Protein backbone atom coordinates (compact mmCIF):
# COMPACT_ATOMS: atom_id res chain seq x y z
CA MET A 1 55.06 -49.50 51.95
CA GLU A 2 53.82 -51.36 49.09
CA TYR A 3 57.58 -53.48 49.22
CA ALA A 4 56.73 -55.20 52.38
CA ILE A 5 53.15 -55.64 51.32
CA GLU A 6 54.31 -57.55 48.80
CA LYS A 7 57.01 -59.37 50.34
CA LEU A 8 54.22 -60.72 52.92
CA LYS A 9 52.28 -61.53 49.92
CA HIS A 10 55.08 -63.45 48.75
CA ASP A 11 56.06 -65.24 52.26
CA GLU A 12 51.58 -66.29 53.16
CA VAL A 13 51.62 -67.80 49.15
CA VAL A 14 55.11 -70.00 50.74
CA LEU A 15 53.66 -70.42 53.95
CA MET A 16 50.19 -71.60 52.11
CA LYS A 17 52.35 -74.50 50.11
CA LYS A 18 54.42 -75.29 53.52
CA VAL A 19 51.42 -75.90 55.36
CA ARG A 20 49.18 -77.88 52.41
CA SER A 21 52.13 -80.60 52.62
CA MET A 22 51.88 -80.85 56.40
CA LYS A 23 50.64 -83.79 58.22
CA ASP A 24 48.06 -82.64 61.14
CA GLY A 25 49.94 -82.41 64.36
CA LYS A 26 50.54 -79.44 66.35
CA PRO A 27 53.00 -78.38 63.47
CA LYS A 28 50.57 -78.00 61.06
CA TRP A 29 48.63 -76.25 63.44
CA VAL A 30 51.57 -73.56 64.84
CA ALA A 31 52.32 -72.98 60.60
CA SER A 32 48.58 -72.27 59.79
CA GLU A 33 49.10 -69.75 62.58
CA GLN A 34 51.80 -68.12 61.72
CA LEU A 35 49.67 -68.33 58.10
CA ASN A 36 46.63 -66.38 59.68
CA GLN A 37 49.16 -63.63 61.67
CA ILE A 38 50.51 -63.36 58.20
CA ARG A 39 47.09 -62.83 56.56
CA SER A 40 46.33 -60.07 59.64
CA ALA A 41 49.17 -57.92 58.99
CA ILE A 42 48.97 -57.43 55.55
CA LYS A 43 45.26 -56.42 56.08
CA LEU A 44 47.22 -54.01 58.54
CA LEU A 45 49.42 -52.60 56.19
CA GLU A 46 46.89 -52.19 52.93
CA ARG A 47 44.47 -50.39 55.68
CA TYR A 48 47.12 -48.46 56.86
CA ASN A 49 48.46 -47.60 53.18
CA SER A 50 44.88 -46.76 52.13
CA ILE A 51 44.51 -44.05 54.81
CA SER A 52 43.85 -40.63 53.06
CA GLU A 53 45.33 -37.45 54.47
CA ALA A 54 41.60 -36.90 55.86
CA GLU A 55 42.27 -39.91 57.62
CA VAL A 56 45.31 -39.14 59.49
CA GLU A 57 43.67 -36.93 61.99
CA ASN A 58 41.72 -40.19 63.35
CA GLU A 59 44.42 -42.41 62.92
CA ASP A 60 44.71 -43.52 66.13
CA GLU A 61 41.68 -44.54 66.51
CA ILE A 62 41.70 -46.50 63.53
CA LEU A 63 44.42 -48.47 65.30
CA LYS A 64 42.89 -49.33 68.25
CA GLU A 65 39.72 -50.64 65.74
CA ILE A 66 41.68 -52.65 64.53
CA PHE A 67 44.04 -53.89 67.02
CA ILE A 68 40.31 -55.04 69.12
CA ALA A 69 39.04 -56.65 66.13
CA ASN A 70 42.76 -58.88 65.25
CA PRO A 71 44.72 -58.60 68.96
CA PRO A 72 48.06 -59.30 69.27
CA LYS A 73 49.26 -62.87 70.36
CA ALA A 74 52.41 -62.77 72.63
CA MET A 75 54.98 -65.42 72.09
CA ALA A 76 56.39 -66.94 74.79
């Protein structure tokens, strides 16, 4: 799980640099939205990775709370 988190953090930095260099407009907003999705995924994976053995029983409820707070967005 650590490799996936590190990979996403690297991708976050790369995309952040890309967003900074872009002009305002729809492409920048799309890239910014993708950056927010990457950040949400990092938070989700870090939280999931830190779940202790006692919390494994409540895993479904924890994931429901996370997805309610950060609902996934469908892409057409």
